[in-house]
Amino acid sequence: MELNENTSEVKKEKKFPFLKKLEMMMEESKLEDAKKSKMKRVHKKGNSQIAKKMGEEAVEMVIASEQDNDENFLEESADVFFYYLMALHARGFELKDVLEILKKRHKK
C-alpha cells in the first residue's frame, strides 16, 4: 500500500510540477531577504496579513464569478489560490495536508 501512495504522489508531482515548485519557492522565501522577495515580505507581515489579503482576493473572485469575464475570474482565482498556499505554508502545512483530509472524507 505504501508503494502505491508514493507512486501516486510522484505522479501528482509530474502532473503539476509548477505547484510543487511554487510550494518550494514559498518555503525558500522564508529565508530570503525581504527586499528581494515579495513572498518573503508577505510572510514577514504574518498570518493575519496573509489572511486579510486572501480574504480581499476571495471577495474579488466572488465578484468576478458573477461577471461575464472568464479571464478575470481565473486571474482572481489564481490570486486566491496563491494566498491560500501562503497561509498554509505560514502555518507549516502544504497543500498535500489538505488533500489528505479531503481524501479521507470521501472514503467514508
PDB file of N, CA and C in Angstrom:
ATOM      1  N   MET A   1       0.831  -1.200   0.000  1.00  0.00           N
ATOM      2  CA  MET A   1       0.000   0.000   0.000  1.00  0.00           C
ATOM      3  C   MET A   1       0.868   1.254   0.000  1.00  0.00           C
ATOM      4  N   GLU A   2       1.919   1.268   0.762  1.00  0.00           N
ATOM      5  CA  GLU A   2       2.821   2.417   0.816  1.00  0.00           C
ATOM      6  C   GLU A   2       3.398   2.733  -0.557  1.00  0.00           C
ATOM      7  N   LEU A   3       3.737   1.692  -1.296  1.00  0.00           N
ATOM      8  CA  LEU A   3       4.300   1.880  -2.630  1.00  0.00           C
ATOM      9  C   LEU A   3       3.307   2.596  -3.537  1.00  0.00           C
ATOM     10  N   ASN A   4       2.040   2.223  -3.456  1.00  0.00           N
ATOM     11  CA  ASN A   4       1.018   2.862  -4.284  1.00  0.00           C
ATOM     12  C   ASN A   4       0.843   4.333  -3.935  1.00  0.00           C
ATOM     13  N   GLU A   5       0.858   4.657  -2.633  1.00  0.00           N
ATOM     14  CA  GLU A   5       0.722   6.048  -2.224  1.00  0.00           C
ATOM     15  C   GLU A   5       1.908   6.863  -2.716  1.00  0.00           C
ATOM     16  N   ASN A   6       3.120   6.317  -2.588  1.00  0.00           N
ATOM     17  CA  ASN A   6       4.303   7.031  -3.069  1.00  0.00           C
ATOM     18  C   ASN A   6       4.256   7.196  -4.576  1.00  0.00           C
ATOM     19  N   THR A   7       3.863   6.156  -5.264  1.00  0.00           N
ATOM     20  CA  THR A   7       3.755   6.219  -6.718  1.00  0.00           C
ATOM     21  C   THR A   7       2.733   7.276  -7.115  1.00  0.00           C
ATOM     22  N   SER A   8       1.624   7.311  -6.422  1.00  0.00           N
ATOM     23  CA  SER A   8       0.588   8.299  -6.693  1.00  0.00           C
ATOM     24  C   SER A   8       1.113   9.712  -6.459  1.00  0.00           C
ATOM     25  N   GLU A   9       1.885   9.895  -5.404  1.00  0.00           N
ATOM     26  CA  GLU A   9       2.456  11.209  -5.089  1.00  0.00           C
ATOM     27  C   GLU A   9       3.416  11.659  -6.181  1.00  0.00           C
ATOM     28  N   VAL A  10       4.227  10.743  -6.672  1.00  0.00           N
ATOM     29  CA  VAL A  10       5.160  11.063  -7.755  1.00  0.00           C
ATOM     30  C   VAL A  10       4.392  11.449  -9.011  1.00  0.00           C
ATOM     31  N   LYS A  11       3.322  10.716  -9.312  1.00  0.00           N
ATOM     32  CA  LYS A  11       2.503  11.038 -10.484  1.00  0.00           C
ATOM     33  C   LYS A  11       1.903  12.432 -10.365  1.00  0.00           C
ATOM     34  N   LYS A  12       1.432  12.791  -9.161  1.00  0.00           N
ATOM     35  CA  LYS A  12       0.863  14.116  -8.953  1.00  0.00           C
ATOM     36  C   LYS A  12       1.908  15.191  -9.196  1.00  0.00           C
ATOM     37  N   GLU A  13       3.115  14.969  -8.678  1.00  0.00           N
ATOM     38  CA  GLU A  13       4.172  15.954  -8.851  1.00  0.00           C
ATOM     39  C   GLU A  13       4.537  16.109 -10.317  1.00  0.00           C
ATOM     40  N   LYS A  14       4.490  15.020 -11.076  1.00  0.00           N
ATOM     41  CA  LYS A  14       4.784  15.104 -12.501  1.00  0.00           C
ATOM     42  C   LYS A  14       3.659  15.804 -13.249  1.00  0.00           C
ATOM     43  N   LYS A  15       2.443  15.630 -12.776  1.00  0.00           N
ATOM     44  CA  LYS A  15       1.293  16.232 -13.436  1.00  0.00           C
ATOM     45  C   LYS A  15       1.240  17.741 -13.187  1.00  0.00           C
ATOM     46  N   PHE A  16       1.614  18.163 -12.001  1.00  0.00           N
ATOM     47  CA  PHE A  16       1.593  19.574 -11.626  1.00  0.00           C
ATOM     48  C   PHE A  16       2.957  20.007 -11.093  1.00  0.00           C
ATOM     49  N   PRO A  17       3.990  19.952 -11.925  1.00  0.00           N
ATOM     50  CA  PRO A  17       5.336  20.264 -11.419  1.00  0.00           C
ATOM     51  C   PRO A  17       5.463  21.697 -10.913  1.00  0.00           C
ATOM     52  N   PHE A  18       4.732  22.629 -11.514  1.00  0.00           N
ATOM     53  CA  PHE A  18       4.848  24.011 -11.066  1.00  0.00           C
ATOM     54  C   PHE A  18       4.296  24.183  -9.661  1.00  0.00           C
ATOM     55  N   LEU A  19       3.273  23.417  -9.305  1.00  0.00           N
ATOM     56  CA  LEU A  19       2.694  23.521  -7.974  1.00  0.00           C
ATOM     57  C   LEU A  19       3.730  23.164  -6.916  1.00  0.00           C
ATOM     58  N   LYS A  20       4.449  22.083  -7.130  1.00  0.00           N
ATOM     59  CA  LYS A  20       5.498  21.687  -6.184  1.00  0.00           C
ATOM     60  C   LYS A  20       6.595  22.746  -6.147  1.00  0.00           C
ATOM     61  N   LYS A  21       6.944  23.268  -7.315  1.00  0.00           N
ATOM     62  CA  LYS A  21       7.973  24.314  -7.386  1.00  0.00           C
ATOM     63  C   LYS A  21       7.515  25.562  -6.627  1.00  0.00           C
ATOM     64  N   LEU A  22       6.246  25.930  -6.791  1.00  0.00           N
ATOM     65  CA  LEU A  22       5.707  27.094  -6.098  1.00  0.00           C
ATOM     66  C   LEU A  22       5.772  26.907  -4.588  1.00  0.00           C
ATOM     67  N   GLU A  23       5.413  25.715  -4.116  1.00  0.00           N
ATOM     68  CA  GLU A  23       5.481  25.450  -2.683  1.00  0.00           C
ATOM     69  C   GLU A  23       6.925  25.497  -2.188  1.00  0.00           C
ATOM     70  N   MET A  24       7.859  25.001  -2.981  1.00  0.00           N
ATOM     71  CA  MET A  24       9.269  25.071  -2.599  1.00  0.00           C
ATOM     72  C   MET A  24       9.732  26.527  -2.542  1.00  0.00           C
ATOM     73  N   MET A  25       9.280  27.328  -3.493  1.00  0.00           N
ATOM     74  CA  MET A  25       9.633  28.747  -3.503  1.00  0.00           C
ATOM     75  C   MET A  25       9.095  29.446  -2.255  1.00  0.00           C
ATOM     76  N   MET A  26       7.906  29.061  -1.816  1.00  0.00           N
ATOM     77  CA  MET A  26       7.323  29.661  -0.613  1.00  0.00           C
ATOM     78  C   MET A  26       8.154  29.334   0.617  1.00  0.00           C
ATOM     79  N   GLU A  27       8.597  28.089   0.710  1.00  0.00           N
ATOM     80  CA  GLU A  27       9.443  27.699   1.838  1.00  0.00           C
ATOM     81  C   GLU A  27      10.780  28.431   1.798  1.00  0.00           C
ATOM     82  N   GLU A  28      11.374  28.511   0.625  1.00  0.00           N
ATOM     83  CA  GLU A  28      12.658  29.193   0.476  1.00  0.00           C
ATOM     84  C   GLU A  28      12.533  30.682   0.753  1.00  0.00           C
ATOM     85  N   SER A  29      11.390  31.253   0.432  1.00  0.00           N
ATOM     86  CA  SER A  29      11.210  32.697   0.612  1.00  0.00           C
ATOM     87  C   SER A  29      11.266  33.096   2.082  1.00  0.00           C
ATOM     88  N   LYS A  30      10.975  32.166   2.971  1.00  0.00           N
ATOM     89  CA  LYS A  30      11.051  32.466   4.398  1.00  0.00           C
ATOM     90  C   LYS A  30      12.484  32.796   4.803  1.00  0.00           C
ATOM     91  N   LEU A  31      13.448  32.315   4.039  1.00  0.00           N
ATOM     92  CA  LEU A  31      14.859  32.504   4.356  1.00  0.00           C
ATOM     93  C   LEU A  31      15.495  33.665   3.598  1.00  0.00           C
ATOM     94  N   GLU A  32      14.809  34.176   2.589  1.00  0.00           N
ATOM     95  CA  GLU A  32      15.383  35.200   1.723  1.00  0.00           C
ATOM     96  C   GLU A  32      15.266  36.592   2.325  1.00  0.00           C
ATOM     97  N   ASP A  33      16.019  37.512   1.747  1.00  0.00           N
ATOM     98  CA  ASP A  33      15.964  38.919   2.100  1.00  0.00           C
ATOM     99  C   ASP A  33      14.614  39.487   1.660  1.00  0.00           C
ATOM    100  N   ALA A  34      13.931  40.163   2.571  1.00  0.00           N
ATOM    101  CA  ALA A  34      12.594  40.687   2.276  1.00  0.00           C
ATOM    102  C   ALA A  34      12.589  41.662   1.108  1.00  0.00           C
ATOM    103  N   LYS A  35      13.678  42.353   0.884  1.00  0.00           N
ATOM    104  CA  LYS A  35      13.732  43.314  -0.214  1.00  0.00           C
ATOM    105  C   LYS A  35      13.722  42.617  -1.568  1.00  0.00           C
ATOM    106  N   LYS A  36      14.173  41.383  -1.603  1.00  0.00           N
ATOM    107  CA  LYS A  36      14.302  40.659  -2.863  1.00  0.00           C
ATOM    108  C   LYS A  36      13.088  39.808  -3.199  1.00  0.00           C
ATOM    109  N   SER A  37      12.246  39.525  -2.229  1.00  0.00           N
ATOM    110  CA  SER A  37      11.188  38.552  -2.443  1.00  0.00           C
ATOM    111  C   SER A  37       9.836  39.069  -1.959  1.00  0.00           C
ATOM    112  N   LYS A  38       8.868  39.118  -2.880  1.00  0.00           N
ATOM    113  CA  LYS A  38       7.507  39.504  -2.499  1.00  0.00           C
ATOM    114  C   LYS A  38       6.949  38.497  -1.497  1.00  0.00           C
ATOM    115  N   MET A  39       7.228  37.207  -1.740  1.00  0.00           N
ATOM    116  CA  MET A  39       6.730  36.173  -0.829  1.00  0.00           C
ATOM    117  C   MET A  39       7.284  36.383   0.574  1.00  0.00           C
ATOM    118  N   LYS A  40       8.557  36.757   0.686  1.00  0.00           N
ATOM    119  CA  LYS A  40       9.173  36.985   1.994  1.00  0.00           C
ATOM    120  C   LYS A  40       8.496  38.160   2.687  1.00  0.00           C
ATOM    121  N   ARG A  41       8.219  39.224   1.940  1.00  0.00           N
ATOM    122  CA  ARG A  41       7.545  40.386   2.534  1.00  0.00           C
ATOM    123  C   ARG A  41       6.167  39.988   3.063  1.00  0.00           C
ATOM    124  N   VAL A  42       5.475  39.149   2.319  1.00  0.00           N
ATOM    125  CA  VAL A  42       4.154  38.686   2.764  1.00  0.00           C
ATOM    126  C   VAL A  42       4.302  37.835   4.021  1.00  0.00           C
ATOM    127  N   HIS A  43       5.246  36.887   4.018  1.00  0.00           N
ATOM    128  CA  HIS A  43       5.478  36.049   5.205  1.00  0.00           C
ATOM    129  C   HIS A  43       5.826  36.904   6.415  1.00  0.00           C
ATOM    130  N   LYS A  44       6.647  37.909   6.198  1.00  0.00           N
ATOM    131  CA  LYS A  44       7.124  38.749   7.298  1.00  0.00           C
ATOM    132  C   LYS A  44       5.980  39.505   7.967  1.00  0.00           C
ATOM    133  N   LYS A  45       4.937  39.822   7.204  1.00  0.00           N
ATOM    134  CA  LYS A  45       3.800  40.562   7.755  1.00  0.00           C
ATOM    135  C   LYS A  45       2.949  39.694   8.680  1.00  0.00           C
ATOM    136  N   GLY A  46       3.093  38.385   8.578  1.00  0.00           N
ATOM    137  CA  GLY A  46       2.405  37.490   9.495  1.00  0.00           C
ATOM    138  C   GLY A  46       1.096  36.917   8.977  1.00  0.00           C
ATOM    139  N   ASN A  47       0.598  35.965   9.751  1.00  0.00           N
ATOM    140  CA  ASN A  47      -0.604  35.221   9.368  1.00  0.00           C
ATOM    141  C   ASN A  47      -1.825  36.111   9.175  1.00  0.00           C
ATOM    142  N   SER A  48      -1.991  37.116  10.034  1.00  0.00           N
ATOM    143  CA  SER A  48      -3.193  37.945   9.921  1.00  0.00           C
ATOM    144  C   SER A  48      -3.192  38.749   8.625  1.00  0.00           C
ATOM    145  N   GLN A  49      -2.027  39.217   8.190  1.00  0.00           N
ATOM    146  CA  GLN A  49      -1.953  39.951   6.926  1.00  0.00           C
ATOM    147  C   GLN A  49      -2.174  39.027   5.734  1.00  0.00           C
ATOM    148  N   ILE A  50      -1.657  37.812   5.834  1.00  0.00           N
ATOM    149  CA  ILE A  50      -1.878  36.832   4.765  1.00  0.00           C
ATOM    150  C   ILE A  50      -3.371  36.523   4.668  1.00  0.00           C
ATOM    151  N   ALA A  51      -4.006  36.312   5.820  1.00  0.00           N
ATOM    152  CA  ALA A  51      -5.442  36.016   5.844  1.00  0.00           C
ATOM    153  C   ALA A  51      -6.252  37.190   5.295  1.00  0.00           C
ATOM    154  N   LYS A  52      -5.855  38.401   5.657  1.00  0.00           N
ATOM    155  CA  LYS A  52      -6.550  39.592   5.158  1.00  0.00           C
ATOM    156  C   LYS A  52      -6.444  39.669   3.637  1.00  0.00           C
ATOM    157  N   LYS A  53      -5.251  39.462   3.118  1.00  0.00           N
ATOM    158  CA  LYS A  53      -5.040  39.525   1.673  1.00  0.00           C
ATOM    159  C   LYS A  53      -5.829  38.418   0.969  1.00  0.00           C
ATOM    160  N   MET A  54      -5.836  37.223   1.561  1.00  0.00           N
ATOM    161  CA  MET A  54      -6.592  36.116   0.977  1.00  0.00           C
ATOM    162  C   MET A  54      -8.083  36.465   0.948  1.00  0.00           C
ATOM    163  N   GLY A  55      -8.583  37.084   2.013  1.00  0.00           N
ATOM    164  CA  GLY A  55      -9.984  37.498   2.059  1.00  0.00           C
ATOM    165  C   GLY A  55     -10.319  38.531   0.997  1.00  0.00           C
ATOM    166  N   GLU A  56      -9.427  39.508   0.825  1.00  0.00           N
ATOM    167  CA  GLU A  56      -9.634  40.529  -0.210  1.00  0.00           C
ATOM    168  C   GLU A  56      -9.701  39.889  -1.594  1.00  0.00           C
ATOM    169  N   GLU A  57      -8.774  38.975  -1.839  1.00  0.00           N
ATOM    170  CA  GLU A  57      -8.747  38.306  -3.145  1.00  0.00           C
ATOM    171  C   GLU A  57      -9.979  37.424  -3.334  1.00  0.00           C
ATOM    172  N   ALA A  58     -10.456  36.811  -2.248  1.00  0.00           N
ATOM    173  CA  ALA A  58     -11.650  35.965  -2.335  1.00  0.00           C
ATOM    174  C   ALA A  58     -12.872  36.798  -2.715  1.00  0.00           C
ATOM    175  N   VAL A  59     -12.987  37.984  -2.129  1.00  0.00           N
ATOM    176  CA  VAL A  59     -14.098  38.872  -2.476  1.00  0.00           C
ATOM    177  C   VAL A  59     -14.018  39.246  -3.954  1.00  0.00           C
ATOM    178  N   GLU A  60     -12.812  39.571  -4.422  1.00  0.00           N
ATOM    179  CA  GLU A  60     -12.634  39.908  -5.837  1.00  0.00           C
ATOM    180  C   GLU A  60     -12.996  38.725  -6.735  1.00  0.00           C
ATOM    181  N   MET A  61     -12.680  37.511  -6.280  1.00  0.00           N
ATOM    182  CA  MET A  61     -13.017  36.324  -7.063  1.00  0.00           C
ATOM    183  C   MET A  61     -14.533  36.126  -7.115  1.00  0.00           C
ATOM    184  N   VAL A  62     -15.202  36.337  -5.993  1.00  0.00           N
ATOM    185  CA  VAL A  62     -16.661  36.200  -5.958  1.00  0.00           C
ATOM    186  C   VAL A  62     -17.308  37.200  -6.909  1.00  0.00           C
ATOM    187  N   ILE A  63     -16.839  38.430  -6.866  1.00  0.00           N
ATOM    188  CA  ILE A  63     -17.371  39.452  -7.779  1.00  0.00           C
ATOM    189  C   ILE A  63     -17.118  39.045  -9.227  1.00  0.00           C
ATOM    190  N   ALA A  64     -15.900  38.581  -9.504  1.00  0.00           N
ATOM    191  CA  ALA A  64     -15.550  38.158 -10.870  1.00  0.00           C
ATOM    192  C   ALA A  64     -16.397  36.975 -11.323  1.00  0.00           C
ATOM    193  N   SER A  65     -16.776  36.105 -10.384  1.00  0.00           N
ATOM    194  CA  SER A  65     -17.570  34.927 -10.761  1.00  0.00           C
ATOM    195  C   SER A  65     -18.972  35.312 -11.219  1.00  0.00           C
ATOM    196  N   GLU A  66     -19.426  36.484 -10.820  1.00  0.00           N
ATOM    197  CA  GLU A  66     -20.755  36.951 -11.208  1.00  0.00           C
ATOM    198  C   GLU A  66     -20.736  37.751 -12.506  1.00  0.00           C
ATOM    199  N   GLN A  67     -19.544  37.996 -13.020  1.00  0.00           N
ATOM    200  CA  GLN A  67     -19.408  38.765 -14.258  1.00  0.00           C
ATOM    201  C   GLN A  67     -19.114  37.825 -15.415  1.00  0.00           C
ATOM    202  N   ASP A  68     -19.259  38.341 -16.596  1.00  0.00           N
ATOM    203  CA  ASP A  68     -19.035  37.536 -17.800  1.00  0.00           C
ATOM    204  C   ASP A  68     -17.629  37.779 -18.353  1.00  0.00           C
ATOM    205  N   ASN A  69     -16.629  37.501 -17.504  1.00  0.00           N
ATOM    206  CA  ASN A  69     -15.239  37.697 -17.906  1.00  0.00           C
ATOM    207  C   ASN A  69     -14.419  36.536 -17.346  1.00  0.00           C
ATOM    208  N   ASP A  70     -14.305  35.486 -18.119  1.00  0.00           N
ATOM    209  CA  ASP A  70     -13.623  34.280 -17.654  1.00  0.00           C
ATOM    210  C   ASP A  70     -12.163  34.533 -17.300  1.00  0.00           C
ATOM    211  N   GLU A  71     -11.501  35.374 -18.081  1.00  0.00           N
ATOM    212  CA  GLU A  71     -10.086  35.651 -17.820  1.00  0.00           C
ATOM    213  C   GLU A  71      -9.904  36.307 -16.451  1.00  0.00           C
ATOM    214  N   ASN A  72     -10.747  37.287 -16.138  1.00  0.00           N
ATOM    215  CA  ASN A  72     -10.668  37.949 -14.840  1.00  0.00           C
ATOM    216  C   ASN A  72     -10.976  36.972 -13.708  1.00  0.00           C
ATOM    217  N   PHE A  73     -11.985  36.133 -13.914  1.00  0.00           N
ATOM    218  CA  PHE A  73     -12.323  35.131 -12.899  1.00  0.00           C
ATOM    219  C   PHE A  73     -11.141  34.207 -12.623  1.00  0.00           C
ATOM    220  N   LEU A  74     -10.484  33.747 -13.678  1.00  0.00           N
ATOM    221  CA  LEU A  74      -9.332  32.855 -13.495  1.00  0.00           C
ATOM    222  C   LEU A  74      -8.164  33.577 -12.831  1.00  0.00           C
ATOM    223  N   GLU A  75      -7.943  34.830 -13.187  1.00  0.00           N
ATOM    224  CA  GLU A  75      -6.877  35.621 -12.560  1.00  0.00           C
ATOM    225  C   GLU A  75      -7.134  35.769 -11.058  1.00  0.00           C
ATOM    226  N   GLU A  76      -8.353  36.111 -10.705  1.00  0.00           N
ATOM    227  CA  GLU A  76      -8.700  36.268  -9.286  1.00  0.00           C
ATOM    228  C   GLU A  76      -8.635  34.925  -8.558  1.00  0.00           C
ATOM    229  N   SER A  77      -9.024  33.853  -9.233  1.00  0.00           N
ATOM    230  CA  SER A  77      -8.921  32.512  -8.639  1.00  0.00           C
ATOM    231  C   SER A  77      -7.467  32.166  -8.352  1.00  0.00           C
ATOM    232  N   ALA A  78      -6.586  32.515  -9.274  1.00  0.00           N
ATOM    233  CA  ALA A  78      -5.151  32.268  -9.075  1.00  0.00           C
ATOM    234  C   ALA A  78      -4.637  33.054  -7.875  1.00  0.00           C
ATOM    235  N   ASP A  79      -5.100  34.293  -7.713  1.00  0.00           N
ATOM    236  CA  ASP A  79      -4.680  35.100  -6.563  1.00  0.00           C
ATOM    237  C   ASP A  79      -5.128  34.461  -5.249  1.00  0.00           C
ATOM    238  N   VAL A  80      -6.389  34.019  -5.217  1.00  0.00           N
ATOM    239  CA  VAL A  80      -6.898  33.354  -4.006  1.00  0.00           C
ATOM    240  C   VAL A  80      -6.075  32.111  -3.707  1.00  0.00           C
ATOM    241  N   PHE A  81      -5.818  31.311  -4.720  1.00  0.00           N
ATOM    242  CA  PHE A  81      -5.052  30.076  -4.541  1.00  0.00           C
ATOM    243  C   PHE A  81      -3.642  30.381  -4.042  1.00  0.00           C
ATOM    244  N   PHE A  82      -3.017  31.401  -4.598  1.00  0.00           N
ATOM    245  CA  PHE A  82      -1.673  31.792  -4.178  1.00  0.00           C
ATOM    246  C   PHE A  82      -1.649  32.146  -2.692  1.00  0.00           C
ATOM    247  N   TYR A  83      -2.570  33.004  -2.261  1.00  0.00           N
ATOM    248  CA  TYR A  83      -2.579  33.407  -0.852  1.00  0.00           C
ATOM    249  C   TYR A  83      -3.032  32.275   0.060  1.00  0.00           C
ATOM    250  N   TYR A  84      -3.848  31.382  -0.455  1.00  0.00           N
ATOM    251  CA  TYR A  84      -4.220  30.181   0.303  1.00  0.00           C
ATOM    252  C   TYR A  84      -2.980  29.336   0.577  1.00  0.00           C
ATOM    253  N   LEU A  85      -2.168  29.123  -0.458  1.00  0.00           N
ATOM    254  CA  LEU A  85      -0.916  28.381  -0.267  1.00  0.00           C
ATOM    255  C   LEU A  85       0.006  29.108   0.701  1.00  0.00           C
ATOM    256  N   MET A  86       0.049  30.437   0.604  1.00  0.00           N
ATOM    257  CA  MET A  86       0.875  31.218   1.530  1.00  0.00           C
ATOM    258  C   MET A  86       0.401  31.003   2.968  1.00  0.00           C
ATOM    259  N   ALA A  87      -0.907  31.008   3.175  1.00  0.00           N
ATOM    260  CA  ALA A  87      -1.462  30.799   4.514  1.00  0.00           C
ATOM    261  C   ALA A  87      -1.112  29.412   5.037  1.00  0.00           C
ATOM    262  N   LEU A  88      -1.226  28.405   4.181  1.00  0.00           N
ATOM    263  CA  LEU A  88      -0.854  27.049   4.590  1.00  0.00           C
ATOM    264  C   LEU A  88       0.606  26.998   5.019  1.00  0.00           C
ATOM    265  N   HIS A  89       1.486  27.544   4.193  1.00  0.00           N
ATOM    266  CA  HIS A  89       2.918  27.489   4.474  1.00  0.00           C
ATOM    267  C   HIS A  89       3.294  28.323   5.688  1.00  0.00           C
ATOM    268  N   ALA A  90       2.613  29.417   5.912  1.00  0.00           N
ATOM    269  CA  ALA A  90       2.886  30.245   7.087  1.00  0.00           C
ATOM    270  C   ALA A  90       2.602  29.475   8.373  1.00  0.00           C
ATOM    271  N   ARG A  91       1.674  28.525   8.286  1.00  0.00           N
ATOM    272  CA  ARG A  91       1.330  27.708   9.454  1.00  0.00           C
ATOM    273  C   ARG A  91       2.045  26.372   9.463  1.00  0.00           C
ATOM    274  N   GLY A  92       2.936  26.162   8.492  1.00  0.00           N
ATOM    275  CA  GLY A  92       3.728  24.933   8.476  1.00  0.00           C
ATOM    276  C   GLY A  92       3.095  23.762   7.743  1.00  0.00           C
ATOM    277  N   PHE A  93       2.099  24.034   6.923  1.00  0.00           N
ATOM    278  CA  PHE A  93       1.427  22.974   6.176  1.00  0.00           C
ATOM    279  C   PHE A  93       1.687  23.110   4.684  1.00  0.00           C
ATOM    280  N   GLU A  94       1.299  22.078   3.951  1.00  0.00           N
ATOM    281  CA  GLU A  94       1.374  22.082   2.492  1.00  0.00           C
ATOM    282  C   GLU A  94       0.016  21.673   1.947  1.00  0.00           C
ATOM    283  N   LEU A  95      -0.168  21.872   0.673  1.00  0.00           N
ATOM    284  CA  LEU A  95      -1.429  21.513   0.028  1.00  0.00           C
ATOM    285  C   LEU A  95      -1.744  20.036   0.214  1.00  0.00           C
ATOM    286  N   LYS A  96      -0.729  19.193   0.209  1.00  0.00           N
ATOM    287  CA  LYS A  96      -0.967  17.751   0.361  1.00  0.00           C
ATOM    288  C   LYS A  96      -1.645  17.433   1.693  1.00  0.00           C
ATOM    289  N   ASP A  97      -1.417  18.248   2.725  1.00  0.00           N
ATOM    290  CA  ASP A  97      -2.070  18.017   4.018  1.00  0.00           C
ATOM    291  C   ASP A  97      -3.583  18.203   3.905  1.00  0.00           C
ATOM    292  N   VAL A  98      -4.002  19.198   3.164  1.00  0.00           N
ATOM    293  CA  VAL A  98      -5.430  19.446   2.949  1.00  0.00           C
ATOM    294  C   VAL A  98      -6.021  18.370   2.045  1.00  0.00           C
ATOM    295  N   LEU A  99      -5.275  17.989   1.024  1.00  0.00           N
ATOM    296  CA  LEU A  99      -5.756  16.949   0.108  1.00  0.00           C
ATOM    297  C   LEU A  99      -5.960  15.621   0.834  1.00  0.00           C
ATOM    298  N   GLU A 100      -5.125  15.339   1.809  1.00  0.00           N
ATOM    299  CA  GLU A 100      -5.298  14.109   2.600  1.00  0.00           C
ATOM    300  C   GLU A 100      -6.616  14.137   3.367  1.00  0.00           C
ATOM    301  N   ILE A 101      -6.972  15.287   3.911  1.00  0.00           N
ATOM    302  CA  ILE A 101      -8.247  15.417   4.626  1.00  0.00           C
ATOM    303  C   ILE A 101      -9.413  15.189   3.666  1.00  0.00           C
ATOM    304  N   LEU A 102      -9.340  15.797   2.502  1.00  0.00           N
ATOM    305  CA  LEU A 102     -10.405  15.597   1.506  1.00  0.00           C
ATOM    306  C   LEU A 102     -10.502  14.134   1.092  1.00  0.00           C
ATOM    307  N   LYS A 103      -9.359  13.517   0.923  1.00  0.00           N
ATOM    308  CA  LYS A 103      -9.322  12.100   0.545  1.00  0.00           C
ATOM    309  C   LYS A 103      -9.993  11.239   1.619  1.00  0.00           C
ATOM    310  N   LYS A 104      -9.700  11.511   2.894  1.00  0.00           N
ATOM    311  CA  LYS A 104     -10.305  10.757   3.998  1.00  0.00           C
ATOM    312  C   LYS A 104     -11.811  10.969   4.044  1.00  0.00           C
ATOM    313  N   ARG A 105     -12.244  12.192   3.821  1.00  0.00           N
ATOM    314  CA  ARG A 105     -13.678  12.497   3.854  1.00  0.00           C
ATOM    315  C   ARG A 105     -14.447  11.743   2.784  1.00  0.00           C
ATOM    316  N   HIS A 106     -13.832  11.528   1.655  1.00  0.00           N
ATOM    317  CA  HIS A 106     -14.534  10.879   0.547  1.00  0.00           C
ATOM    318  C   HIS A 106     -14.403   9.361   0.560  1.00  0.00           C
ATOM    319  N   LYS A 107     -13.652   8.834   1.511  1.00  0.00           N
ATOM    320  CA  LYS A 107     -13.580   7.376   1.676  1.00  0.00           C
ATOM    321  C   LYS A 107     -14.750   6.875   2.492  1.00  0.00           C
ATOM    322  N   LYS A 108     -15.377   7.766   3.237  1.00  0.00           N
ATOM    323  CA  LYS A 108     -16.474   7.379   4.138  1.00  0.00           C
ATOM    324  C   LYS A 108     -17.708   6.980   3.383  1.00  0.00           C
TER     325      LYS A 108
END
